[in-house]
Amino acid sequence: MKLTVKIGNAELEFDGRDFKELIKDAGAFTQAQKCKLCGSHNIALNYKNVQAKEGENAGKNFEYYEVVCLDCGARATLGLYQNGGYFLKEWKKYEVK
């Protein structure tokens, strides 16, 4: 089975053995159709690979997947369940102090 999810100007295609597997993989992306803070549909997917500079994880690399509103700058990070599948975290607007 295949499922296509549109996010902003991009389309993501998910492939799974059954409906349950498709929802597990694509569920968070269906929640990312528009910004929850300003309502804009002008959103994009973003990926970051960051190396921790201090603390107990210093030197380790971490991958971050997020949805970004191109109008207001809000971001919602995608978390990964241990048994597979993603979840969308809260939309937040980060401001430099």
Protein backbone atom coordinates (compact mmCIF):
# COMPACT_ATOMS: atom_id res chain seq x y z
CA MET A 1 0.00 0.00 0.00
CA LYS A 2 1.09 3.56 -0.66
CA LEU A 3 0.06 6.86 0.85
CA THR A 4 0.97 10.35 -0.38
CA VAL A 5 1.00 13.27 2.06
CA LYS A 6 1.32 16.87 0.87
CA ILE A 7 3.27 19.28 3.07
CA GLY A 8 3.60 22.80 1.69
CA ASN A 9 4.87 22.38 -1.88
CA ALA A 10 6.34 18.93 -1.20
CA GLU A 11 4.75 15.51 -1.43
CA LEU A 12 5.93 12.58 0.67
CA GLU A 13 5.13 9.03 -0.37
CA PHE A 14 4.94 6.29 2.25
CA ASP A 15 4.92 2.58 1.48
CA GLY A 16 3.70 -0.05 3.93
CA ARG A 17 2.45 -3.61 4.14
CA ASP A 18 -0.93 -2.52 5.50
CA PHE A 19 -2.92 0.50 6.67
CA LYS A 20 -1.61 0.20 10.24
CA GLU A 21 2.00 0.44 9.06
CA LEU A 22 1.19 3.43 6.82
CA ILE A 23 -0.43 5.34 9.67
CA LYS A 24 2.48 4.49 11.98
CA ASP A 25 4.95 5.99 9.50
CA ALA A 26 2.89 8.87 8.07
CA GLY A 27 0.64 9.87 10.99
CA ALA A 28 2.75 12.77 12.25
CA PHE A 29 3.11 14.18 8.75
CA THR A 30 -0.65 14.38 8.26
CA GLN A 31 -0.72 16.65 11.34
CA ALA A 32 1.82 18.99 9.72
CA GLN A 33 -0.44 20.37 6.99
CA LYS A 34 -0.35 23.91 8.38
CA CYS A 35 1.32 25.96 11.11
CA LYS A 36 -0.53 25.66 14.42
CA LEU A 37 0.54 29.17 15.45
CA CYS A 38 -0.33 31.35 12.44
CA GLY A 39 -2.39 28.95 10.28
CA SER A 40 -0.13 29.26 7.23
CA HIS A 41 0.16 26.42 4.74
CA ASN A 42 3.58 27.75 3.68
CA ILE A 43 5.61 25.10 5.52
CA ALA A 44 8.63 22.98 4.73
CA LEU A 45 10.50 19.99 6.11
CA ASN A 46 13.96 20.49 7.59
CA TYR A 47 16.79 18.19 8.70
CA LYS A 48 19.67 19.05 11.02
CA ASN A 49 22.67 17.00 12.13
CA VAL A 50 24.06 18.58 15.31
CA GLN A 51 27.09 17.68 17.41
CA ALA A 52 26.76 18.30 21.16
CA LYS A 53 29.48 20.64 22.37
CA GLU A 54 29.16 20.12 26.12
CA GLY A 55 27.63 17.95 28.80
CA GLU A 56 27.45 14.18 28.98
CA ASN A 57 26.72 13.92 25.24
CA ALA A 58 29.65 16.10 24.14
CA GLY A 59 30.98 14.94 20.79
CA LYS A 60 27.90 12.85 19.92
CA ASN A 61 25.86 13.62 16.79
CA PHE A 62 22.09 13.98 16.90
CA GLU A 63 19.68 14.13 13.97
CA TYR A 64 16.64 16.40 14.10
CA TYR A 65 13.68 16.39 11.72
CA GLU A 66 11.27 19.30 11.88
CA VAL A 67 8.48 21.13 10.14
CA VAL A 68 9.14 24.86 9.67
CA CYS A 69 6.62 27.63 8.96
CA LEU A 70 8.15 29.86 6.29
CA ASP A 71 5.83 32.74 7.23
CA CYS A 72 6.17 33.12 11.02
CA GLY A 73 9.28 30.99 11.68
CA ALA A 74 7.60 28.51 14.06
CA ARG A 75 9.00 24.98 14.19
CA ALA A 76 7.66 21.60 15.27
CA THR A 77 10.18 18.82 15.81
CA LEU A 78 9.36 15.27 14.77
CA GLY A 79 10.11 12.68 17.44
CA LEU A 80 10.75 9.01 16.69
CA TYR A 81 9.07 6.28 18.71
CA GLN A 82 11.40 3.47 19.81
CA ASN A 83 9.29 0.90 17.96
CA GLY A 84 9.10 3.04 14.80
CA GLY A 85 6.87 5.80 13.57
CA TYR A 86 7.00 9.54 14.19
CA PHE A 87 5.12 11.99 16.37
CA LEU A 88 4.84 15.74 15.96
CA LYS A 89 5.91 17.78 18.98
CA GLU A 90 4.46 21.16 19.94
CA TRP A 91 4.82 24.09 17.53
CA LYS A 92 7.14 26.73 19.00
CA LYS A 93 8.47 30.02 17.81
CA TYR A 94 12.11 30.48 18.77
CA GLU A 95 13.41 33.97 19.18
CA VAL A 96 17.04 34.95 19.57
CA LYS A 97 17.62 36.87 22.79
